[in-house]
């Protein structure tokens, strides 16, 4: 893909990272959940402990444990007890999308002040903003519902995603 833009920085040991995450306004919870889910997808059928996930991705273990509990309640991961325990994906990585993970830990996609775009109303010249927010959510869904944990873990992203990311304007 070429050189990364000058504002891109890899995630630091205890942060959600800089660069693209900050610009897109993804929460640390979403960032950690997606990174942990990608690790679980790469691990296959074997359980991975919270400590292993946290160390591999540079995340606070206690915070990650809470995120994994949310993902378990949503049916995305299973916990296995015992000395060989840890977490595994509850379904194949090919069947879990990024949108599934985001919804599990952060709720519906593209909220406006905590409301779904279709429930937000504006008056006067701002009235058409509702349509913009709905279109934004549809665009976000088109990507996040197409990308699976398997495609992230293997680096085999869908062609459309690779094309969008390859456009230099996408990095600005």
N, C-alpha and C. Protein backbone atom coordinates (compact mmCIF):
# COMPACT_ATOMS: atom_id res chain seq x y z
N UNK A 1 0.83 -1.20 0.00
CA UNK A 1 0.00 0.00 0.00
C UNK A 1 0.86 1.24 0.00
N UNK A 2 2.08 1.15 0.37
CA UNK A 2 2.94 2.33 0.36
C UNK A 2 3.17 2.86 1.75
N UNK A 3 3.82 4.00 1.81
CA UNK A 3 4.16 4.60 3.10
C UNK A 3 2.91 5.11 3.80
N UNK A 4 2.93 5.02 5.12
CA UNK A 4 1.82 5.54 5.92
C UNK A 4 1.92 7.05 5.99
N UNK A 5 0.78 7.73 6.14
CA UNK A 5 0.80 9.19 6.25
C UNK A 5 1.57 9.64 7.48
N UNK A 6 2.00 10.88 7.46
CA UNK A 6 2.84 11.40 8.54
C UNK A 6 2.12 11.44 9.88
N UNK A 7 0.77 11.52 9.91
CA UNK A 7 0.07 11.60 11.17
C UNK A 7 -0.15 10.24 11.81
N UNK A 8 0.09 9.16 11.05
CA UNK A 8 -0.16 7.82 11.59
C UNK A 8 0.92 7.44 12.59
N UNK A 9 0.50 6.95 13.74
CA UNK A 9 1.42 6.43 14.74
C UNK A 9 0.85 5.11 15.24
N UNK A 10 1.68 4.11 15.49
CA UNK A 10 1.15 2.87 16.06
C UNK A 10 0.63 3.12 17.47
N UNK A 11 -0.25 2.26 17.92
CA UNK A 11 -0.80 2.40 19.26
C UNK A 11 0.30 2.30 20.30
N UNK A 12 0.24 3.18 21.28
CA UNK A 12 1.20 3.10 22.37
C UNK A 12 0.75 2.02 23.35
N UNK A 13 1.59 1.72 24.33
CA UNK A 13 1.33 0.57 25.20
C UNK A 13 -0.02 0.63 25.91
N UNK A 14 -0.44 1.78 26.41
CA UNK A 14 -1.70 1.84 27.16
C UNK A 14 -2.69 2.84 26.57
N UNK A 15 -2.65 3.04 25.28
CA UNK A 15 -3.60 3.97 24.68
C UNK A 15 -4.31 3.31 23.52
N UNK A 16 -5.38 3.94 23.09
CA UNK A 16 -6.09 3.45 21.92
C UNK A 16 -5.32 3.79 20.67
N UNK A 17 -4.26 4.53 20.78
CA UNK A 17 -3.47 4.88 19.61
C UNK A 17 -3.77 6.29 19.17
N UNK A 18 -3.06 6.71 18.17
CA UNK A 18 -3.24 8.05 17.63
C UNK A 18 -3.63 7.91 16.18
N UNK A 19 -3.55 8.98 15.47
CA UNK A 19 -3.78 8.93 14.04
C UNK A 19 -5.21 8.63 13.66
N UNK A 20 -5.41 7.59 12.90
CA UNK A 20 -6.71 7.29 12.31
C UNK A 20 -7.79 7.10 13.37
N UNK A 21 -7.47 6.50 14.50
CA UNK A 21 -8.48 6.28 15.53
C UNK A 21 -9.00 7.61 16.05
N UNK A 22 -8.10 8.53 16.35
CA UNK A 22 -8.53 9.83 16.85
C UNK A 22 -9.35 10.59 15.82
N UNK A 23 -8.96 10.53 14.57
CA UNK A 23 -9.66 11.27 13.54
C UNK A 23 -11.05 10.70 13.28
N UNK A 24 -11.23 9.41 13.43
CA UNK A 24 -12.52 8.78 13.19
C UNK A 24 -13.40 8.80 14.43
N UNK A 25 -12.83 9.14 15.58
CA UNK A 25 -13.55 9.20 16.84
C UNK A 25 -14.08 7.84 17.29
N UNK A 26 -13.30 6.80 17.05
CA UNK A 26 -13.64 5.50 17.62
C UNK A 26 -13.24 5.51 19.08
N UNK A 27 -14.08 4.96 19.92
CA UNK A 27 -13.77 4.93 21.35
C UNK A 27 -12.65 3.91 21.61
N UNK A 28 -11.98 4.08 22.73
CA UNK A 28 -10.96 3.11 23.12
C UNK A 28 -11.60 1.73 23.27
N UNK A 29 -12.82 1.70 23.79
CA UNK A 29 -13.53 0.42 23.96
C UNK A 29 -13.69 -0.30 22.63
N UNK A 30 -14.08 0.42 21.58
CA UNK A 30 -14.24 -0.19 20.25
C UNK A 30 -12.88 -0.62 19.71
N UNK A 31 -11.89 0.23 19.83
CA UNK A 31 -10.55 -0.09 19.35
C UNK A 31 -10.05 -1.36 20.03
N UNK A 32 -10.14 -1.43 21.34
CA UNK A 32 -9.67 -2.61 22.08
C UNK A 32 -10.47 -3.85 21.69
N UNK A 33 -11.78 -3.72 21.57
CA UNK A 33 -12.62 -4.86 21.22
C UNK A 33 -12.25 -5.42 19.85
N UNK A 34 -12.04 -4.54 18.88
CA UNK A 34 -11.69 -5.00 17.53
C UNK A 34 -10.31 -5.66 17.51
N UNK A 35 -9.36 -5.08 18.23
CA UNK A 35 -8.02 -5.65 18.28
C UNK A 35 -8.01 -6.99 18.99
N UNK A 36 -8.76 -7.12 20.09
CA UNK A 36 -8.84 -8.39 20.81
C UNK A 36 -9.54 -9.44 19.95
N UNK A 37 -10.60 -9.04 19.26
CA UNK A 37 -11.33 -9.97 18.40
C UNK A 37 -10.44 -10.47 17.24
N UNK A 38 -9.62 -9.58 16.69
CA UNK A 38 -8.70 -9.99 15.63
C UNK A 38 -7.68 -10.99 16.18
N UNK A 39 -7.20 -10.76 17.40
CA UNK A 39 -6.27 -11.71 18.03
C UNK A 39 -6.93 -13.07 18.21
N UNK A 40 -8.18 -13.07 18.67
CA UNK A 40 -8.90 -14.34 18.85
C UNK A 40 -9.13 -15.04 17.51
N UNK A 41 -9.40 -14.27 16.48
CA UNK A 41 -9.58 -14.86 15.15
C UNK A 41 -8.28 -15.51 14.68
N UNK A 42 -7.16 -14.85 14.93
CA UNK A 42 -5.86 -15.40 14.53
C UNK A 42 -5.49 -16.62 15.35
N UNK A 43 -5.97 -16.69 16.60
CA UNK A 43 -5.64 -17.81 17.48
C UNK A 43 -6.36 -19.09 17.09
N UNK A 44 -7.42 -18.98 16.32
CA UNK A 44 -8.17 -20.17 15.92
C UNK A 44 -9.02 -20.70 17.05
N UNK A 45 -8.98 -22.05 17.23
CA UNK A 45 -9.84 -22.70 18.21
C UNK A 45 -9.30 -22.68 19.63
N UNK A 46 -8.02 -22.41 19.79
CA UNK A 46 -7.42 -22.44 21.11
C UNK A 46 -7.76 -21.22 21.92
N UNK A 47 -8.02 -21.41 23.22
CA UNK A 47 -8.35 -20.26 24.07
C UNK A 47 -7.14 -19.35 24.30
N UNK A 48 -7.44 -18.06 24.44
CA UNK A 48 -6.42 -17.04 24.71
C UNK A 48 -6.84 -16.31 25.97
N UNK A 49 -5.91 -16.14 26.90
CA UNK A 49 -6.24 -15.48 28.15
C UNK A 49 -6.31 -13.97 27.96
N UNK A 50 -6.99 -13.32 28.89
CA UNK A 50 -7.05 -11.86 28.88
C UNK A 50 -5.64 -11.29 28.94
N UNK A 51 -4.81 -11.87 29.79
CA UNK A 51 -3.43 -11.40 29.92
C UNK A 51 -2.66 -11.49 28.61
N UNK A 52 -2.84 -12.58 27.88
CA UNK A 52 -2.16 -12.73 26.59
C UNK A 52 -2.65 -11.70 25.59
N UNK A 53 -3.97 -11.52 25.53
CA UNK A 53 -4.54 -10.53 24.61
C UNK A 53 -4.05 -9.13 24.95
N UNK A 54 -4.09 -8.80 26.24
CA UNK A 54 -3.68 -7.47 26.69
C UNK A 54 -2.21 -7.22 26.39
N UNK A 55 -1.37 -8.20 26.66
CA UNK A 55 0.06 -8.04 26.41
C UNK A 55 0.35 -7.91 24.92
N UNK A 56 -0.27 -8.76 24.12
CA UNK A 56 -0.02 -8.74 22.68
C UNK A 56 -0.42 -7.42 22.04
N UNK A 57 -1.51 -6.83 22.51
CA UNK A 57 -2.02 -5.61 21.90
C UNK A 57 -1.77 -4.35 22.74
N UNK A 58 -1.09 -4.48 23.87
CA UNK A 58 -0.78 -3.31 24.68
C UNK A 58 -2.02 -2.63 25.25
N UNK A 59 -2.88 -3.43 25.89
CA UNK A 59 -4.13 -2.91 26.45
C UNK A 59 -4.18 -3.20 27.94
N UNK A 60 -4.89 -2.38 28.71
CA UNK A 60 -5.06 -2.64 30.14
C UNK A 60 -5.91 -3.91 30.35
N UNK A 61 -5.41 -4.92 31.04
CA UNK A 61 -6.14 -6.18 31.18
C UNK A 61 -7.51 -6.05 31.85
N UNK A 62 -7.61 -5.22 32.88
CA UNK A 62 -8.89 -5.09 33.60
C UNK A 62 -9.96 -4.49 32.68
N UNK A 63 -9.59 -3.47 31.93
CA UNK A 63 -10.53 -2.85 30.99
C UNK A 63 -10.92 -3.84 29.90
N UNK A 64 -9.94 -4.60 29.41
CA UNK A 64 -10.20 -5.59 28.38
C UNK A 64 -11.14 -6.67 28.88
N UNK A 65 -11.00 -7.08 30.14
CA UNK A 65 -11.89 -8.09 30.72
C UNK A 65 -13.35 -7.63 30.64
N UNK A 66 -13.61 -6.37 30.96
CA UNK A 66 -14.97 -5.83 30.87
C UNK A 66 -15.48 -5.84 29.43
N UNK A 67 -14.63 -5.52 28.49
CA UNK A 67 -15.01 -5.53 27.07
C UNK A 67 -15.35 -6.95 26.63
N UNK A 68 -14.53 -7.91 27.03
CA UNK A 68 -14.78 -9.31 26.66
C UNK A 68 -16.08 -9.82 27.26
N UNK A 69 -16.43 -9.35 28.46
CA UNK A 69 -17.72 -9.72 29.06
C UNK A 69 -18.88 -9.19 28.21
N UNK A 70 -18.76 -7.97 27.71
CA UNK A 70 -19.79 -7.42 26.82
C UNK A 70 -19.88 -8.26 25.54
N UNK A 71 -18.74 -8.63 25.01
CA UNK A 71 -18.72 -9.44 23.79
C UNK A 71 -19.30 -10.83 24.05
N UNK A 72 -19.08 -11.36 25.25
CA UNK A 72 -19.65 -12.66 25.60
C UNK A 72 -21.18 -12.57 25.68
N UNK A 73 -21.68 -11.52 26.33
CA UNK A 73 -23.13 -11.32 26.43
C UNK A 73 -23.77 -11.18 25.06
N UNK A 74 -23.03 -10.63 24.09
CA UNK A 74 -23.54 -10.46 22.73
C UNK A 74 -23.38 -11.74 21.90
N UNK A 75 -22.79 -12.77 22.48
CA UNK A 75 -22.65 -14.04 21.77
C UNK A 75 -21.49 -14.08 20.79
N UNK A 76 -20.52 -13.19 20.96
CA UNK A 76 -19.39 -13.15 20.04
C UNK A 76 -18.20 -13.98 20.52
N UNK A 77 -18.04 -14.09 21.84
CA UNK A 77 -16.95 -14.89 22.40
C UNK A 77 -17.52 -15.82 23.47
N UNK A 78 -16.74 -16.86 23.76
CA UNK A 78 -17.05 -17.79 24.85
C UNK A 78 -15.86 -17.82 25.79
N UNK A 79 -16.13 -17.91 27.06
CA UNK A 79 -15.07 -18.07 28.05
C UNK A 79 -14.91 -19.52 28.41
N UNK A 80 -13.66 -19.96 28.53
CA UNK A 80 -13.37 -21.32 28.97
C UNK A 80 -12.61 -21.25 30.28
N UNK A 81 -13.11 -21.96 31.29
CA UNK A 81 -12.50 -21.92 32.61
C UNK A 81 -11.37 -22.95 32.70
N UNK A 82 -10.58 -22.79 33.75
CA UNK A 82 -9.55 -23.77 34.03
C UNK A 82 -8.17 -23.30 33.66
N UNK A 83 -7.17 -24.14 33.97
CA UNK A 83 -5.78 -23.74 33.72
C UNK A 83 -5.47 -23.51 32.24
N UNK A 84 -6.19 -24.15 31.37
CA UNK A 84 -6.00 -23.97 29.93
C UNK A 84 -7.11 -23.08 29.37
N UNK A 85 -7.73 -22.29 30.22
CA UNK A 85 -8.87 -21.48 29.82
C UNK A 85 -8.49 -20.19 29.14
N UNK A 86 -9.50 -19.44 28.83
CA UNK A 86 -9.35 -18.17 28.15
C UNK A 86 -10.59 -17.90 27.32
N UNK A 87 -10.42 -17.11 26.30
CA UNK A 87 -11.54 -16.76 25.43
C UNK A 87 -11.31 -17.30 24.03
N UNK A 88 -12.42 -17.67 23.39
CA UNK A 88 -12.43 -18.07 21.98
C UNK A 88 -13.62 -17.40 21.32
N UNK A 89 -13.58 -17.28 20.02
CA UNK A 89 -14.74 -16.76 19.30
C UNK A 89 -15.88 -17.77 19.39
N UNK A 90 -17.10 -17.29 19.54
CA UNK A 90 -18.27 -18.16 19.66
C UNK A 90 -18.75 -18.66 18.30
N UNK A 91 -18.36 -17.98 17.25
CA UNK A 91 -18.71 -18.37 15.87
C UNK A 91 -17.44 -18.29 15.03
N UNK A 92 -17.45 -18.87 13.86
CA UNK A 92 -16.28 -18.74 12.99
C UNK A 92 -15.98 -17.27 12.70
N UNK A 93 -14.70 -16.95 12.60
CA UNK A 93 -14.27 -15.57 12.32
C UNK A 93 -14.80 -15.07 10.99
N UNK A 94 -15.14 -15.96 10.09
CA UNK A 94 -15.70 -15.57 8.79
C UNK A 94 -17.14 -15.10 8.91
N UNK A 95 -17.77 -15.37 10.07
CA UNK A 95 -19.17 -15.00 10.27
C UNK A 95 -19.36 -13.81 11.21
N UNK A 96 -18.29 -13.27 11.74
CA UNK A 96 -18.39 -12.13 12.66
C UNK A 96 -17.81 -10.90 11.97
N UNK A 97 -18.63 -9.87 11.83
CA UNK A 97 -18.17 -8.65 11.16
C UNK A 97 -17.70 -7.62 12.18
N UNK A 98 -16.99 -6.63 11.68
CA UNK A 98 -16.58 -5.52 12.55
C UNK A 98 -17.80 -4.82 13.12
N UNK A 99 -18.86 -4.72 12.33
CA UNK A 99 -20.10 -4.10 12.82
C UNK A 99 -20.66 -4.86 14.01
N UNK A 100 -20.59 -6.20 13.98
CA UNK A 100 -21.08 -7.00 15.11
C UNK A 100 -20.33 -6.64 16.39
N UNK A 101 -19.01 -6.52 16.29
CA UNK A 101 -18.19 -6.22 17.45
C UNK A 101 -18.49 -4.81 17.97
N UNK A 102 -18.56 -3.85 17.07
CA UNK A 102 -18.83 -2.47 17.47
C UNK A 102 -20.18 -2.36 18.15
N UNK A 103 -21.20 -3.00 17.58
CA UNK A 103 -22.52 -2.95 18.20
C UNK A 103 -22.52 -3.60 19.58
N UNK A 104 -21.74 -4.65 19.75
CA UNK A 104 -21.70 -5.35 21.03
C UNK A 104 -21.15 -4.48 22.15
N UNK A 105 -20.18 -3.64 21.85
CA UNK A 105 -19.54 -2.85 22.91
C UNK A 105 -19.93 -1.38 22.92
N UNK A 106 -20.50 -0.89 21.82
CA UNK A 106 -20.78 0.55 21.72
C UNK A 106 -22.21 0.86 21.28
N UNK A 107 -23.00 -0.14 20.99
CA UNK A 107 -24.37 0.10 20.55
C UNK A 107 -24.46 0.36 19.06
N UNK A 108 -25.60 0.89 18.61
CA UNK A 108 -25.83 1.09 17.18
C UNK A 108 -24.78 1.98 16.52
N UNK A 109 -24.57 1.74 15.25
CA UNK A 109 -23.61 2.53 14.47
C UNK A 109 -24.15 3.93 14.22
N UNK A 110 -23.27 4.90 14.12
CA UNK A 110 -23.57 6.27 13.70
C UNK A 110 -24.73 6.91 14.47
N UNK A 111 -24.53 7.11 15.74
CA UNK A 111 -25.51 7.83 16.56
C UNK A 111 -25.24 9.33 16.49
N UNK A 112 -26.29 10.09 16.71
CA UNK A 112 -26.19 11.54 16.81
C UNK A 112 -26.65 11.90 18.22
N UNK A 113 -25.72 12.33 19.05
CA UNK A 113 -26.02 12.65 20.45
C UNK A 113 -26.70 11.47 21.15
N UNK A 114 -26.29 10.25 20.83
CA UNK A 114 -26.84 9.07 21.47
C UNK A 114 -28.13 8.57 20.87
N UNK A 115 -28.61 9.20 19.82
CA UNK A 115 -29.86 8.81 19.17
C UNK A 115 -29.58 8.24 17.79
N UNK A 116 -30.44 7.33 17.35
CA UNK A 116 -30.35 6.84 15.98
C UNK A 116 -30.71 7.99 15.04
N UNK A 117 -30.06 8.11 13.88
CA UNK A 117 -30.31 9.25 12.99
C UNK A 117 -31.77 9.43 12.60
N UNK A 118 -32.50 8.34 12.46
CA UNK A 118 -33.91 8.48 12.07
C UNK A 118 -34.78 9.05 13.18
N UNK A 119 -34.25 9.09 14.40
CA UNK A 119 -34.99 9.66 15.53
C UNK A 119 -34.59 11.10 15.85
N UNK A 120 -33.67 11.64 15.07
CA UNK A 120 -33.22 13.01 15.28
C UNK A 120 -33.94 13.91 14.28
N UNK A 121 -34.49 15.00 14.77
CA UNK A 121 -35.17 15.92 13.88
C UNK A 121 -34.59 17.32 13.99
N UNK A 122 -34.52 17.98 12.88
CA UNK A 122 -34.01 19.35 12.84
C UNK A 122 -35.06 20.22 12.15
N UNK A 123 -34.94 21.52 12.37
CA UNK A 123 -35.86 22.46 11.76
C UNK A 123 -35.11 23.43 10.86
N UNK A 124 -35.84 24.04 9.99
CA UNK A 124 -35.28 25.09 9.15
C UNK A 124 -34.16 24.61 8.25
N UNK A 125 -33.13 25.45 8.08
CA UNK A 125 -32.04 25.13 7.16
C UNK A 125 -31.27 23.85 7.53
N UNK A 126 -31.35 23.42 8.77
CA UNK A 126 -30.62 22.21 9.21
C UNK A 126 -31.43 20.93 9.01
N UNK A 127 -32.65 21.04 8.52
CA UNK A 127 -33.55 19.89 8.42
C UNK A 127 -32.94 18.72 7.63
N UNK A 128 -32.22 19.01 6.57
CA UNK A 128 -31.69 17.92 5.74
C UNK A 128 -30.48 17.21 6.36
N UNK A 129 -29.99 17.70 7.50
CA UNK A 129 -28.88 16.99 8.17
C UNK A 129 -29.26 15.56 8.54
N UNK A 130 -30.53 15.33 8.87
CA UNK A 130 -30.95 13.97 9.20
C UNK A 130 -30.63 13.02 8.06
N UNK A 131 -30.88 13.43 6.83
CA UNK A 131 -30.58 12.58 5.67
C UNK A 131 -29.08 12.34 5.53
N UNK A 132 -28.28 13.35 5.85
CA UNK A 132 -26.83 13.19 5.81
C UNK A 132 -26.39 12.14 6.83
N UNK A 133 -26.94 12.19 8.05
CA UNK A 133 -26.55 11.22 9.09
C UNK A 133 -26.99 9.81 8.71
N UNK A 134 -28.15 9.68 8.10
CA UNK A 134 -28.62 8.36 7.67
C UNK A 134 -27.72 7.82 6.55
N UNK A 135 -27.34 8.69 5.62
CA UNK A 135 -26.43 8.27 4.54
C UNK A 135 -25.06 7.89 5.10
N UNK A 136 -24.59 8.65 6.10
CA UNK A 136 -23.31 8.32 6.73
C UNK A 136 -23.37 6.94 7.38
N UNK A 137 -24.45 6.67 8.10
CA UNK A 137 -24.60 5.36 8.73
C UNK A 137 -24.64 4.26 7.67
N UNK A 138 -25.35 4.47 6.57
CA UNK A 138 -25.40 3.47 5.50
C UNK A 138 -24.02 3.21 4.91
N UNK A 139 -23.25 4.27 4.74
CA UNK A 139 -21.90 4.13 4.22
C UNK A 139 -21.01 3.37 5.20
N UNK A 140 -21.12 3.72 6.47
CA UNK A 140 -20.35 3.03 7.52
C UNK A 140 -20.72 1.55 7.56
N UNK A 141 -22.00 1.26 7.50
CA UNK A 141 -22.47 -0.13 7.50
C UNK A 141 -21.91 -0.90 6.31
N UNK A 142 -21.89 -0.25 5.15
CA UNK A 142 -21.43 -0.93 3.93
C UNK A 142 -20.02 -1.48 4.10
N UNK A 143 -19.19 -0.78 4.83
CA UNK A 143 -17.82 -1.25 5.07
C UNK A 143 -17.79 -2.21 6.26
N UNK A 144 -18.31 -1.78 7.40
CA UNK A 144 -18.18 -2.56 8.63
C UNK A 144 -18.92 -3.89 8.60
N UNK A 145 -19.99 -4.00 7.82
CA UNK A 145 -20.71 -5.26 7.71
C UNK A 145 -20.10 -6.18 6.65
N UNK A 146 -19.20 -5.65 5.85
CA UNK A 146 -18.52 -6.46 4.84
C UNK A 146 -17.22 -7.06 5.36
N UNK A 147 -16.57 -6.37 6.28
CA UNK A 147 -15.27 -6.81 6.78
C UNK A 147 -15.48 -7.76 7.96
N UNK A 148 -14.94 -8.98 7.84
CA UNK A 148 -15.05 -9.96 8.91
C UNK A 148 -13.77 -9.99 9.75
N UNK A 149 -13.87 -10.62 10.90
CA UNK A 149 -12.68 -10.77 11.74
C UNK A 149 -11.62 -11.60 11.02
N UNK A 150 -12.06 -12.57 10.25
CA UNK A 150 -11.11 -13.38 9.49
C UNK A 150 -10.35 -12.53 8.48
N UNK A 151 -11.05 -11.64 7.78
CA UNK A 151 -10.38 -10.82 6.77
C UNK A 151 -9.39 -9.85 7.42
N UNK A 152 -9.70 -9.38 8.64
CA UNK A 152 -8.76 -8.52 9.35
C UNK A 152 -7.55 -9.32 9.81
N UNK A 153 -7.80 -10.48 10.44
CA UNK A 153 -6.72 -11.29 11.01
C UNK A 153 -5.77 -11.82 9.94
N UNK A 154 -6.30 -12.09 8.75
CA UNK A 154 -5.45 -12.63 7.68
C UNK A 154 -4.91 -11.54 6.76
N UNK A 155 -5.44 -10.33 6.89
CA UNK A 155 -5.02 -9.25 6.01
C UNK A 155 -5.67 -9.31 4.64
N UNK A 156 -6.62 -10.22 4.46
CA UNK A 156 -7.31 -10.38 3.18
C UNK A 156 -8.58 -9.53 3.17
N UNK A 157 -8.40 -8.22 3.21
CA UNK A 157 -9.54 -7.30 3.23
C UNK A 157 -10.27 -7.32 1.90
N UNK A 158 -11.58 -7.05 1.92
CA UNK A 158 -12.34 -6.99 0.67
C UNK A 158 -11.74 -5.97 -0.29
N UNK A 159 -11.88 -6.24 -1.57
CA UNK A 159 -11.31 -5.38 -2.61
C UNK A 159 -11.77 -3.93 -2.45
N UNK A 160 -13.04 -3.73 -2.18
CA UNK A 160 -13.56 -2.36 -2.04
C UNK A 160 -12.87 -1.61 -0.90
N UNK A 161 -12.60 -2.30 0.19
CA UNK A 161 -11.92 -1.67 1.32
C UNK A 161 -10.49 -1.32 0.93
N UNK A 162 -9.80 -2.24 0.27
CA UNK A 162 -8.43 -1.97 -0.17
C UNK A 162 -8.39 -0.79 -1.13
N UNK A 163 -9.36 -0.71 -2.03
CA UNK A 163 -9.40 0.41 -2.99
C UNK A 163 -9.61 1.74 -2.27
N UNK A 164 -10.54 1.76 -1.33
CA UNK A 164 -10.79 3.00 -0.59
C UNK A 164 -9.56 3.41 0.21
N UNK A 165 -8.90 2.46 0.86
CA UNK A 165 -7.72 2.76 1.67
C UNK A 165 -6.53 3.16 0.82
N UNK A 166 -6.49 2.71 -0.42
CA UNK A 166 -5.36 3.02 -1.31
C UNK A 166 -5.45 4.45 -1.87
N UNK A 167 -6.62 5.07 -1.77
CA UNK A 167 -6.80 6.43 -2.27
C UNK A 167 -6.10 7.40 -1.32
N UNK A 168 -5.11 8.15 -1.78
CA UNK A 168 -4.41 9.09 -0.89
C UNK A 168 -5.34 10.09 -0.19
N UNK A 169 -6.44 10.43 -0.82
CA UNK A 169 -7.39 11.36 -0.20
C UNK A 169 -8.04 10.76 1.04
N UNK A 170 -8.10 9.43 1.12
CA UNK A 170 -8.70 8.78 2.28
C UNK A 170 -7.86 8.95 3.52
N UNK A 171 -6.57 9.27 3.35
CA UNK A 171 -5.66 9.40 4.49
C UNK A 171 -5.62 10.84 5.03
N UNK A 172 -6.29 11.74 4.37
CA UNK A 172 -6.30 13.14 4.82
C UNK A 172 -7.44 13.42 5.77
